[in-house]
C-alpha cells in the first residue's frame, strides 16, 4: 500500500514538473517573441519556362524573407512578377537571378510580359 502511494506521489510530482517546465518554456518564448521571428531568413526559388509553361507552377514565401528567384527560359523573353515589379529579361537557356525582400503579403501574378500569359501566382504569407 505504501509503495502504491509513493508511486502515485512520484507520478503527480513528475506531472507537475513537466507542466511547470512547459509553462516556463512557453512564457520564455513569449518574452522573446515566441514563434514569430523578426528574421524569417531566405528562400530560393528556381523556375524553368518552356513555351508558356513554368515548372514548378507554385511559389510562396513569408513576409520579411529575402527571396531569390532564378528563371531559365527556352527563348528570349521577359518574365514579370507583378506587385513587386520585378522584371526578368531572360535570354535563351541562360539562368537569370533576382533577389528582393518579400515586404507585401498577398498573391502576385508572374506572367510572360509580351503575351500577358499567366504563369503562376506568387503567394507571400504573413510572418
N, C-alpha and C. Protein backbone atom coordinates (compact mmCIF):
# COMPACT_ATOMS: atom_id res chain seq x y z
N UNK A 1 0.82 -1.19 0.00
CA UNK A 1 0.00 0.00 0.00
C UNK A 1 0.86 1.26 0.00
N UNK A 2 1.89 1.27 0.85
CA UNK A 2 2.78 2.42 0.92
C UNK A 2 3.50 2.63 -0.41
N UNK A 3 3.86 1.52 -1.09
CA UNK A 3 4.52 1.63 -2.40
C UNK A 3 3.59 2.27 -3.43
N UNK A 4 2.33 1.91 -3.39
CA UNK A 4 1.36 2.47 -4.33
C UNK A 4 1.19 3.96 -4.10
N UNK A 5 1.16 4.38 -2.83
CA UNK A 5 1.03 5.81 -2.51
C UNK A 5 2.27 6.56 -2.98
N UNK A 6 3.45 5.96 -2.75
CA UNK A 6 4.70 6.59 -3.20
C UNK A 6 4.71 6.72 -4.72
N UNK A 7 4.28 5.69 -5.44
CA UNK A 7 4.26 5.74 -6.91
C UNK A 7 3.32 6.83 -7.42
N UNK A 8 2.14 6.93 -6.81
CA UNK A 8 1.19 7.99 -7.20
C UNK A 8 1.78 9.37 -6.93
N UNK A 9 2.44 9.52 -5.80
CA UNK A 9 3.05 10.80 -5.45
C UNK A 9 4.15 11.15 -6.44
N UNK A 10 4.97 10.19 -6.81
CA UNK A 10 6.04 10.42 -7.79
C UNK A 10 5.45 10.83 -9.14
N UNK A 11 4.41 10.11 -9.57
CA UNK A 11 3.78 10.44 -10.86
C UNK A 11 3.18 11.85 -10.83
N UNK A 12 2.53 12.20 -9.71
CA UNK A 12 1.95 13.52 -9.56
C UNK A 12 3.05 14.59 -9.58
N UNK A 13 4.15 14.35 -8.90
CA UNK A 13 5.26 15.31 -8.87
C UNK A 13 5.90 15.45 -10.26
N UNK A 14 6.05 14.31 -10.95
CA UNK A 14 6.62 14.35 -12.29
C UNK A 14 5.71 15.12 -13.24
N UNK A 15 4.42 14.88 -13.13
CA UNK A 15 3.45 15.59 -13.96
C UNK A 15 3.51 17.09 -13.70
N UNK A 16 3.57 17.48 -12.43
CA UNK A 16 3.66 18.90 -12.06
C UNK A 16 4.95 19.52 -12.60
N UNK A 17 6.03 18.75 -12.55
CA UNK A 17 7.32 19.24 -13.05
C UNK A 17 7.25 19.46 -14.56
N UNK A 18 6.66 18.51 -15.27
CA UNK A 18 6.55 18.63 -16.72
C UNK A 18 5.67 19.82 -17.10
N UNK A 19 4.52 19.94 -16.45
CA UNK A 19 3.61 21.06 -16.75
C UNK A 19 4.29 22.39 -16.42
N UNK A 20 4.98 22.45 -15.31
CA UNK A 20 5.71 23.68 -14.95
C UNK A 20 6.79 24.01 -15.97
N UNK A 21 7.49 23.00 -16.45
CA UNK A 21 8.53 23.22 -17.46
C UNK A 21 7.95 23.74 -18.76
N UNK A 22 6.83 23.15 -19.17
CA UNK A 22 6.17 23.61 -20.40
C UNK A 22 5.70 25.05 -20.24
N UNK A 23 5.14 25.37 -19.09
CA UNK A 23 4.67 26.74 -18.84
C UNK A 23 5.84 27.72 -18.88
N UNK A 24 6.96 27.35 -18.25
CA UNK A 24 8.13 28.23 -18.25
C UNK A 24 8.68 28.42 -19.66
N UNK A 25 8.71 27.34 -20.43
CA UNK A 25 9.19 27.43 -21.80
C UNK A 25 8.27 28.33 -22.62
N UNK A 26 6.97 28.17 -22.46
CA UNK A 26 6.01 28.99 -23.19
C UNK A 26 6.17 30.46 -22.83
N UNK A 27 6.29 30.75 -21.55
CA UNK A 27 6.48 32.15 -21.13
C UNK A 27 7.80 32.70 -21.65
N UNK A 28 8.83 31.89 -21.63
CA UNK A 28 10.13 32.33 -22.14
C UNK A 28 10.07 32.63 -23.62
N UNK A 29 9.38 31.78 -24.39
CA UNK A 29 9.24 32.03 -25.82
C UNK A 29 8.43 33.29 -26.08
N UNK A 30 7.38 33.50 -25.30
CA UNK A 30 6.56 34.70 -25.46
C UNK A 30 7.38 35.95 -25.17
N UNK A 31 8.24 35.88 -24.18
CA UNK A 31 9.05 37.04 -23.81
C UNK A 31 10.04 37.41 -24.90
N UNK A 32 10.48 36.40 -25.68
CA UNK A 32 11.46 36.71 -26.72
C UNK A 32 10.85 36.65 -28.11
N UNK A 33 9.53 36.71 -28.19
CA UNK A 33 8.89 36.78 -29.48
C UNK A 33 8.21 35.50 -29.91
N UNK A 34 8.33 34.45 -29.17
CA UNK A 34 7.65 33.19 -29.49
C UNK A 34 8.04 32.67 -30.85
N UNK A 35 7.09 32.11 -31.54
CA UNK A 35 7.36 31.51 -32.84
C UNK A 35 7.47 32.55 -33.93
N UNK A 36 7.06 33.77 -33.67
CA UNK A 36 7.17 34.83 -34.66
C UNK A 36 8.62 35.30 -34.68
N UNK A 37 9.26 35.19 -35.82
CA UNK A 37 10.66 35.58 -35.89
C UNK A 37 10.77 36.96 -36.52
N UNK A 38 11.77 37.70 -36.10
CA UNK A 38 12.00 39.01 -36.70
C UNK A 38 12.83 38.87 -37.97
N UNK A 39 13.50 37.73 -38.13
CA UNK A 39 14.28 37.47 -39.32
C UNK A 39 13.87 36.12 -39.89
N UNK A 40 12.89 36.12 -40.80
CA UNK A 40 12.41 34.84 -41.30
C UNK A 40 13.36 34.14 -42.25
N UNK A 41 14.52 34.71 -42.51
CA UNK A 41 15.51 34.04 -43.35
C UNK A 41 15.32 34.31 -44.82
N UNK A 42 15.61 33.29 -45.61
CA UNK A 42 15.54 33.47 -47.06
C UNK A 42 14.97 32.22 -47.72
N UNK A 43 14.57 32.40 -48.95
CA UNK A 43 14.10 31.28 -49.75
C UNK A 43 14.63 31.44 -51.17
N UNK A 44 15.00 30.32 -51.76
CA UNK A 44 15.50 30.30 -53.13
C UNK A 44 14.51 29.53 -54.00
N UNK A 45 14.05 30.14 -55.07
CA UNK A 45 13.09 29.54 -55.97
C UNK A 45 13.70 29.48 -57.36
N UNK A 46 13.61 28.32 -57.99
CA UNK A 46 14.18 28.14 -59.32
C UNK A 46 13.09 27.66 -60.26
N UNK A 47 12.98 28.32 -61.43
CA UNK A 47 11.93 28.02 -62.38
C UNK A 47 12.52 27.81 -63.77
N UNK A 48 11.82 26.98 -64.55
CA UNK A 48 12.15 26.76 -65.96
C UNK A 48 10.89 27.04 -66.76
N UNK A 49 11.01 27.97 -67.71
CA UNK A 49 9.88 28.30 -68.59
C UNK A 49 10.14 27.66 -69.95
N UNK A 50 9.19 26.84 -70.37
CA UNK A 50 9.23 26.21 -71.69
C UNK A 50 7.94 26.57 -72.40
N UNK A 51 8.06 27.30 -73.49
CA UNK A 51 6.86 27.80 -74.16
C UNK A 51 6.16 28.78 -73.24
N UNK A 52 4.91 28.44 -72.85
CA UNK A 52 4.20 29.31 -71.91
C UNK A 52 3.86 28.57 -70.62
N UNK A 53 4.71 27.59 -70.29
CA UNK A 53 4.53 26.80 -69.07
C UNK A 53 5.74 26.97 -68.16
N UNK A 54 5.48 27.09 -66.86
CA UNK A 54 6.55 27.24 -65.88
C UNK A 54 6.54 26.03 -64.94
N UNK A 55 7.72 25.56 -64.59
CA UNK A 55 7.88 24.45 -63.66
C UNK A 55 8.90 24.86 -62.61
N UNK A 56 8.57 24.71 -61.32
CA UNK A 56 7.27 24.34 -60.79
C UNK A 56 6.27 25.48 -61.00
N UNK A 57 4.99 25.19 -60.81
CA UNK A 57 3.97 26.20 -61.09
C UNK A 57 3.37 26.79 -59.82
N UNK A 58 4.06 26.63 -58.70
CA UNK A 58 3.65 27.27 -57.44
C UNK A 58 4.87 27.91 -56.81
N UNK A 59 4.63 28.97 -56.04
CA UNK A 59 5.72 29.65 -55.35
C UNK A 59 5.17 30.39 -54.15
N UNK A 60 5.89 30.34 -53.04
CA UNK A 60 5.45 31.09 -51.87
C UNK A 60 6.64 31.49 -51.02
N UNK A 61 6.38 32.48 -50.17
CA UNK A 61 7.38 32.98 -49.24
C UNK A 61 6.63 33.51 -48.02
N UNK A 62 7.40 33.93 -47.04
CA UNK A 62 6.85 34.52 -45.82
C UNK A 62 7.29 35.98 -45.79
N UNK A 63 6.38 36.85 -45.39
CA UNK A 63 6.70 38.28 -45.33
C UNK A 63 7.98 38.49 -44.54
N UNK A 64 8.87 39.29 -45.09
CA UNK A 64 10.15 39.60 -44.48
C UNK A 64 11.29 38.75 -45.01
N UNK A 65 10.99 37.65 -45.70
CA UNK A 65 12.03 36.80 -46.24
C UNK A 65 12.76 37.47 -47.39
N UNK A 66 14.03 37.15 -47.49
CA UNK A 66 14.82 37.51 -48.66
C UNK A 66 14.51 36.43 -49.70
N UNK A 67 13.99 36.82 -50.86
CA UNK A 67 13.59 35.87 -51.89
C UNK A 67 14.56 35.98 -53.05
N UNK A 68 15.11 34.84 -53.44
CA UNK A 68 15.96 34.78 -54.62
C UNK A 68 15.27 33.89 -55.63
N UNK A 69 14.97 34.46 -56.80
CA UNK A 69 14.31 33.72 -57.87
C UNK A 69 15.27 33.62 -59.05
N UNK A 70 15.43 32.39 -59.54
CA UNK A 70 16.22 32.13 -60.74
C UNK A 70 15.29 31.56 -61.79
N UNK A 71 15.31 32.17 -62.97
CA UNK A 71 14.46 31.72 -64.07
C UNK A 71 15.32 31.43 -65.29
N UNK A 72 15.03 30.30 -65.93
CA UNK A 72 15.64 29.94 -67.21
C UNK A 72 14.50 29.76 -68.21
N UNK A 73 14.64 30.35 -69.38
CA UNK A 73 13.60 30.26 -70.41
C UNK A 73 14.16 29.60 -71.67
N UNK A 74 13.26 29.09 -72.50
CA UNK A 74 13.69 28.43 -73.74
C UNK A 74 13.76 29.40 -74.92
N UNK A 75 13.48 30.69 -74.65
CA UNK A 75 13.63 31.73 -75.68
C UNK A 75 13.83 33.07 -74.98
N UNK A 76 14.28 34.06 -75.72
CA UNK A 76 14.45 35.40 -75.16
C UNK A 76 13.07 35.97 -74.86
N UNK A 77 12.83 36.31 -73.61
CA UNK A 77 11.54 36.91 -73.24
C UNK A 77 11.63 37.51 -71.84
N UNK A 78 10.64 38.35 -71.55
CA UNK A 78 10.58 38.98 -70.24
C UNK A 78 9.52 38.30 -69.39
N UNK A 79 9.93 37.94 -68.17
CA UNK A 79 9.01 37.42 -67.17
C UNK A 79 8.85 38.52 -66.13
N UNK A 80 7.59 38.82 -65.76
CA UNK A 80 7.32 39.93 -64.86
C UNK A 80 6.58 39.42 -63.62
N UNK A 81 7.09 39.76 -62.46
CA UNK A 81 6.41 39.46 -61.19
C UNK A 81 5.71 40.73 -60.76
N UNK A 82 4.39 40.75 -60.97
CA UNK A 82 3.59 41.92 -60.62
C UNK A 82 3.51 42.09 -59.11
N UNK A 83 3.23 43.30 -58.69
CA UNK A 83 3.13 43.60 -57.26
C UNK A 83 4.48 43.94 -56.66
N UNK A 84 5.48 43.22 -57.07
CA UNK A 84 6.85 43.52 -56.66
C UNK A 84 7.60 44.22 -57.79
N UNK A 85 7.00 44.25 -58.96
CA UNK A 85 7.57 44.90 -60.14
C UNK A 85 8.99 44.43 -60.41
N UNK A 86 9.18 43.12 -60.36
CA UNK A 86 10.48 42.52 -60.67
C UNK A 86 10.40 41.98 -62.09
N UNK A 87 11.33 42.43 -62.94
CA UNK A 87 11.37 42.03 -64.35
C UNK A 87 12.59 41.14 -64.58
N UNK A 88 12.36 40.04 -65.26
CA UNK A 88 13.44 39.14 -65.65
C UNK A 88 13.56 39.22 -67.17
N UNK A 89 14.59 39.89 -67.66
CA UNK A 89 14.83 39.98 -69.10
C UNK A 89 15.68 38.78 -69.49
N UNK A 90 15.02 37.66 -69.72
CA UNK A 90 15.68 36.38 -69.90
C UNK A 90 16.23 36.21 -71.31
N UNK A 91 17.37 35.57 -71.38
CA UNK A 91 18.00 35.16 -72.64
C UNK A 91 17.92 33.64 -72.70
N UNK A 92 17.75 33.10 -73.88
CA UNK A 92 17.54 31.68 -74.07
C UNK A 92 18.57 30.84 -73.29
N UNK A 93 18.06 29.90 -72.50
CA UNK A 93 18.86 28.93 -71.74
C UNK A 93 19.93 29.55 -70.84
N UNK A 94 19.72 30.79 -70.41
CA UNK A 94 20.67 31.47 -69.53
C UNK A 94 19.95 31.82 -68.23
N UNK A 95 20.29 31.15 -67.14
CA UNK A 95 19.61 31.45 -65.87
C UNK A 95 19.79 32.92 -65.48
N UNK A 96 18.70 33.53 -65.04
CA UNK A 96 18.73 34.92 -64.58
C UNK A 96 18.19 34.95 -63.16
N UNK A 97 18.94 35.57 -62.26
CA UNK A 97 18.60 35.58 -60.84
C UNK A 97 18.35 37.00 -60.37
N UNK A 98 17.28 37.15 -59.59
CA UNK A 98 16.95 38.43 -58.93
C UNK A 98 16.64 38.14 -57.47
N UNK A 99 17.00 39.08 -56.61
CA UNK A 99 16.75 38.95 -55.17
C UNK A 99 16.01 40.19 -54.69
N UNK A 100 15.01 39.97 -53.84
CA UNK A 100 14.24 41.06 -53.26
C UNK A 100 13.70 40.61 -51.91
N UNK A 101 13.18 41.56 -51.15
CA UNK A 101 12.57 41.25 -49.86
C UNK A 101 11.06 41.16 -50.03
N UNK A 102 10.48 40.10 -49.53
CA UNK A 102 9.02 39.91 -49.60
C UNK A 102 8.39 40.80 -48.53
N UNK A 103 8.12 42.05 -48.89
CA UNK A 103 7.63 43.01 -47.90
C UNK A 103 6.13 43.28 -48.01
N UNK A 104 5.45 42.58 -48.93
CA UNK A 104 3.99 42.70 -49.08
C UNK A 104 3.38 41.32 -49.02
N UNK A 105 2.23 41.19 -48.36
CA UNK A 105 1.55 39.91 -48.34
C UNK A 105 0.47 39.87 -49.41
N UNK A 106 0.12 38.67 -49.82
CA UNK A 106 -0.93 38.50 -50.81
C UNK A 106 -0.50 37.55 -51.91
N UNK A 107 -1.22 37.61 -53.00
CA UNK A 107 -0.95 36.76 -54.16
C UNK A 107 -0.58 37.67 -55.33
N UNK A 108 0.54 37.37 -55.97
CA UNK A 108 1.08 38.24 -57.01
C UNK A 108 1.33 37.43 -58.27
N UNK A 109 0.82 37.95 -59.38
CA UNK A 109 0.93 37.24 -60.64
C UNK A 109 2.33 37.32 -61.24
N UNK A 110 2.79 36.17 -61.76
CA UNK A 110 4.00 36.14 -62.57
C UNK A 110 3.54 35.80 -63.98
N UNK A 111 3.96 36.60 -64.96
CA UNK A 111 3.48 36.40 -66.32
C UNK A 111 4.58 36.59 -67.35
N UNK A 112 4.33 36.06 -68.54
CA UNK A 112 5.16 36.38 -69.69
C UNK A 112 4.70 37.75 -70.18
N UNK A 113 5.55 38.71 -70.15
CA UNK A 113 5.16 40.10 -70.39
C UNK A 113 4.61 40.34 -71.80
N UNK A 114 5.27 39.82 -72.82
CA UNK A 114 4.87 40.11 -74.20
C UNK A 114 3.49 39.57 -74.53
N UNK A 115 3.14 38.39 -74.01
CA UNK A 115 1.85 37.77 -74.33
C UNK A 115 0.84 37.88 -73.20
N UNK A 116 1.24 38.42 -72.08
CA UNK A 116 0.46 38.50 -70.84
C UNK A 116 -0.04 37.13 -70.37
N UNK A 117 0.68 36.07 -70.74
CA UNK A 117 0.33 34.71 -70.34
C UNK A 117 0.65 34.53 -68.85
N UNK A 118 -0.38 34.18 -68.08
CA UNK A 118 -0.24 33.92 -66.64
C UNK A 118 0.59 32.66 -66.43
N UNK A 119 1.66 32.76 -65.64
CA UNK A 119 2.49 31.59 -65.35
C UNK A 119 2.16 30.98 -63.99
N UNK A 120 2.08 31.83 -62.98
CA UNK A 120 1.79 31.35 -61.62
C UNK A 120 1.44 32.51 -60.72
N UNK A 121 0.93 32.18 -59.54
CA UNK A 121 0.70 33.18 -58.50
C UNK A 121 1.75 32.97 -57.42
N UNK A 122 2.47 34.01 -57.11
CA UNK A 122 3.47 34.01 -56.04
C UNK A 122 2.77 34.47 -54.77
N UNK A 123 2.71 33.61 -53.78
CA UNK A 123 1.98 33.91 -52.55
C UNK A 123 2.96 34.28 -51.44
N UNK A 124 2.71 35.41 -50.79
CA UNK A 124 3.51 35.83 -49.64
C UNK A 124 2.58 35.83 -48.42
N UNK A 125 2.90 34.95 -47.48
CA UNK A 125 2.10 34.79 -46.27
C UNK A 125 2.60 35.71 -45.16
N UNK A 126 1.74 36.12 -44.24
CA UNK A 126 2.18 36.93 -43.10
C UNK A 126 3.21 36.16 -42.28
N UNK A 127 4.10 36.89 -41.65
CA UNK A 127 5.12 36.22 -40.82
C UNK A 127 4.56 35.77 -39.51
